[in-house]
Every structure is written in C-alpha cells, then in structure tokens.
C-alpha cells in the first residue's frame, strides 16, 4: 500500500471492476473503455470512476483522473502505452507490459497458462534487441543474454 494510507479492503464494485479489466485485457490486449465496463459490470460512470480511484490507491492501476473518460494508463501488469516490453502470443502482438518483471507476471496469468509468450525488448543502453520467452513464469533467454535486476 502507499505510504500513510491505512489498510483497507476494496469494495465489491472495485473487485468487480478489477476482475473485468483483467478478463478484458487478457482477451483483447487492451484496457476497456467506460462503456465496456458499464455493460459488463452494470456500474454507472460515477461508480466506475470511484472504483478506479480505489484500485489506484491500492497501486493496482494508474488512471488519468483529469481526463473526461478517466483514461486507464496502466493496470498491472499491463500498460496502455508503448513500454520497453512488447508481449507477443501465438505470433501476434498482444500488449505492452508495464515493465520487464511484469511481463513475466503476464505469463503466469490463468488465461495464458501453458502458452509461450515472446517478450520483445531492448537494452536500455545500446538499444540492441532482446527476445525472451516465458511459459508459466519460467523465462528462457538465448545464450549470452543477461537479465539485470537492481536491488536499489
């Protein structure tokens, strides 16, 4: 949880929204718009925006609360905008991952169980291409590729 925020439980509306967004994003490779959320959950606009605010407070997502449509920018582990990691499934682009570690998390999501995901990225220094595969959270890298994870 964020600093200085007391522990809280997500409302039933926030839980329903979270479940629908994951189902939608896994199925389509993109986040839903407000109408899709409304049709799937029955929540009205005010309830949807409030549920997104709850999820954002719990660091599940990032929404642009100043936009007319409360645009969904990120919903862990997915990103609505280009990131350093493209996720490919069955030879087709699926979505952008929020970050390298979140791309591995995508491979562990139930809709992708047993599927091989190709994670296309690049070195942040030289911009050289890097391609990894992941199945059920197990990452395979070509010889010579090292993955660096900072602890700071």
Protein backbone atom coordinates (compact mmCIF):
# COMPACT_ATOMS: atom_id res chain seq x y z
CA UNK A 1 0.00 0.00 0.00
CA UNK A 2 1.10 3.61 -0.46
CA UNK A 3 2.69 5.38 2.45
CA UNK A 4 0.39 6.92 5.05
CA UNK A 5 -2.69 5.09 3.76
CA UNK A 6 -4.38 2.90 6.34
CA UNK A 7 -5.08 -0.68 5.34
CA UNK A 8 -8.43 -1.05 3.60
CA UNK A 9 -10.45 -3.65 1.73
CA UNK A 10 -11.51 -2.99 -1.85
CA UNK A 11 -15.25 -2.51 -2.28
CA UNK A 12 -17.28 -5.11 -4.16
CA UNK A 13 -17.51 -2.64 -7.04
CA UNK A 14 -13.71 -2.27 -7.19
CA UNK A 15 -13.30 -6.06 -7.10
CA UNK A 16 -15.82 -6.48 -9.92
CA UNK A 17 -14.05 -3.82 -11.96
CA UNK A 18 -10.65 -5.41 -11.34
CA UNK A 19 -11.91 -8.83 -12.44
CA UNK A 20 -13.50 -7.43 -15.60
CA UNK A 21 -10.43 -5.36 -16.58
CA UNK A 22 -8.17 -8.41 -16.29
CA UNK A 23 -10.58 -10.57 -18.28
CA UNK A 24 -10.94 -7.89 -20.96
CA UNK A 25 -7.23 -7.08 -21.23
CA UNK A 26 -6.19 -10.72 -21.40
CA UNK A 27 -8.77 -11.32 -24.12
CA UNK A 28 -8.20 -8.21 -26.22
CA UNK A 29 -4.72 -6.92 -25.41
CA UNK A 30 -6.06 -3.52 -24.33
CA UNK A 31 -7.93 -1.91 -21.49
CA UNK A 32 -11.69 -1.36 -21.67
CA UNK A 33 -13.43 1.96 -22.15
CA UNK A 34 -16.12 3.18 -19.75
CA UNK A 35 -18.97 1.78 -21.83
CA UNK A 36 -17.46 -1.71 -21.92
CA UNK A 37 -17.01 -1.58 -18.13
CA UNK A 38 -20.60 -0.40 -17.69
CA UNK A 39 -22.02 -3.12 -19.94
CA UNK A 40 -20.03 -5.85 -18.18
CA UNK A 41 -20.47 -4.74 -14.58
CA UNK A 42 -23.64 -2.64 -14.51
CA UNK A 43 -21.73 0.13 -12.72
CA UNK A 44 -22.60 3.69 -13.67
CA UNK A 45 -19.98 6.29 -14.59
CA UNK A 46 -19.57 7.64 -11.04
CA UNK A 47 -19.21 4.13 -9.60
CA UNK A 48 -16.64 3.18 -12.25
CA UNK A 49 -14.53 6.27 -11.58
CA UNK A 50 -14.73 5.70 -7.82
CA UNK A 51 -13.73 2.04 -8.22
CA UNK A 52 -10.75 3.04 -10.39
CA UNK A 53 -9.71 5.53 -7.69
CA UNK A 54 -9.81 2.75 -5.09
CA UNK A 55 -7.72 0.47 -7.27
CA UNK A 56 -5.25 3.28 -7.93
CA UNK A 57 -4.92 3.91 -4.20
CA UNK A 58 -4.06 0.21 -3.84
CA UNK A 59 -1.40 0.56 -6.56
CA UNK A 60 -3.26 -1.77 -8.93
CA UNK A 61 -3.66 0.78 -11.71
CA UNK A 62 -2.96 4.30 -12.89
CA UNK A 63 -5.84 6.34 -14.26
CA UNK A 64 -5.89 9.87 -15.62
CA UNK A 65 -8.49 11.31 -13.26
CA UNK A 66 -8.34 14.66 -15.05
CA UNK A 67 -9.44 13.25 -18.40
CA UNK A 68 -13.08 13.19 -19.43
CA UNK A 69 -13.07 9.41 -19.75
CA UNK A 70 -10.89 8.62 -16.72
CA UNK A 71 -8.39 7.04 -19.11
CA UNK A 72 -6.75 3.84 -17.93
CA UNK A 73 -2.99 4.29 -18.35
CA UNK A 74 -1.74 1.15 -16.63
CA UNK A 75 -3.28 -1.87 -14.98
CA UNK A 76 -0.61 -4.11 -13.53
CA UNK A 77 0.95 -5.92 -15.31
CA UNK A 78 -0.29 -4.22 -18.50
CA UNK A 79 0.44 -0.80 -19.98
CA UNK A 80 -1.87 1.18 -22.28
CA UNK A 81 1.04 2.92 -23.94
CA UNK A 82 4.28 1.68 -25.51
CA UNK A 83 6.76 0.41 -22.96
CA UNK A 84 10.10 -1.33 -23.13
CA UNK A 85 8.46 -4.77 -23.36
CA UNK A 86 6.12 -6.00 -26.08
CA UNK A 87 4.21 -9.19 -25.30
CA UNK A 88 3.57 -11.50 -28.25
CA UNK A 89 1.31 -14.56 -28.10
CA UNK A 90 0.88 -17.10 -30.90
CA UNK A 91 2.96 -14.94 -33.24
CA UNK A 92 0.83 -11.82 -32.78
CA UNK A 93 1.34 -8.69 -30.72
CA UNK A 94 -0.85 -8.82 -27.63
CA UNK A 95 0.02 -5.87 -25.41
CA UNK A 96 2.71 -3.84 -23.71
CA UNK A 97 3.91 -4.90 -20.27
CA UNK A 98 4.33 -2.31 -17.55
CA UNK A 99 7.95 -3.37 -17.06
CA UNK A 100 10.25 -6.35 -17.55
CA UNK A 101 9.23 -8.09 -14.33
CA UNK A 102 5.54 -7.53 -15.04
CA UNK A 103 5.99 -9.21 -18.42
CA UNK A 104 6.93 -12.39 -16.56
CA UNK A 105 3.82 -11.98 -14.39
CA UNK A 106 1.66 -11.93 -17.53
CA UNK A 107 2.91 -15.40 -18.40
CA UNK A 108 1.57 -16.66 -15.05
CA UNK A 109 -1.94 -15.31 -15.53
CA UNK A 110 -4.58 -18.08 -15.82
CA UNK A 111 -5.70 -17.22 -19.40
CA UNK A 112 -2.11 -17.73 -20.58
CA UNK A 113 -1.37 -20.93 -18.63
CA UNK A 114 0.76 -23.24 -20.74
CA UNK A 115 1.18 -20.69 -23.56
CA UNK A 116 4.55 -19.46 -24.73
CA UNK A 117 4.83 -15.69 -24.57
CA UNK A 118 7.55 -13.94 -26.52
CA UNK A 119 8.84 -10.88 -24.70
CA UNK A 120 10.41 -8.45 -27.15
CA UNK A 121 12.51 -5.76 -25.56
CA UNK A 122 15.83 -3.99 -25.91
CA UNK A 123 18.91 -2.98 -23.95
CA UNK A 124 18.31 0.40 -22.35
CA UNK A 125 21.92 1.39 -23.06
CA UNK A 126 22.62 0.37 -26.67
CA UNK A 127 19.01 -0.31 -27.78
CA UNK A 128 20.02 -3.76 -29.04
CA UNK A 129 17.11 -6.16 -29.44
CA UNK A 130 16.43 -8.71 -26.71
CA UNK A 131 13.91 -11.51 -27.11
CA UNK A 132 12.95 -13.83 -24.27
CA UNK A 133 10.27 -16.49 -23.96
CA UNK A 134 8.18 -17.16 -20.90
CA UNK A 135 5.86 -20.03 -20.06
CA UNK A 136 4.10 -20.11 -16.70
CA UNK A 137 6.61 -17.68 -15.21
CA UNK A 138 9.69 -19.54 -16.40
CA UNK A 139 11.83 -17.30 -18.61
CA UNK A 140 14.18 -18.65 -21.25
CA UNK A 141 16.85 -16.42 -22.70
CA UNK A 142 19.14 -17.03 -25.67
CA UNK A 143 22.79 -17.71 -24.85
CA UNK A 144 24.64 -14.54 -23.89
CA UNK A 145 21.58 -12.61 -22.74
CA UNK A 146 21.79 -11.49 -19.12
CA UNK A 147 18.91 -10.06 -17.16
CA UNK A 148 19.86 -7.38 -14.64
CA UNK A 149 17.62 -6.73 -11.66
CA UNK A 150 18.57 -3.86 -9.40
CA UNK A 151 18.04 -4.13 -5.67
CA UNK A 152 18.16 -0.39 -5.11
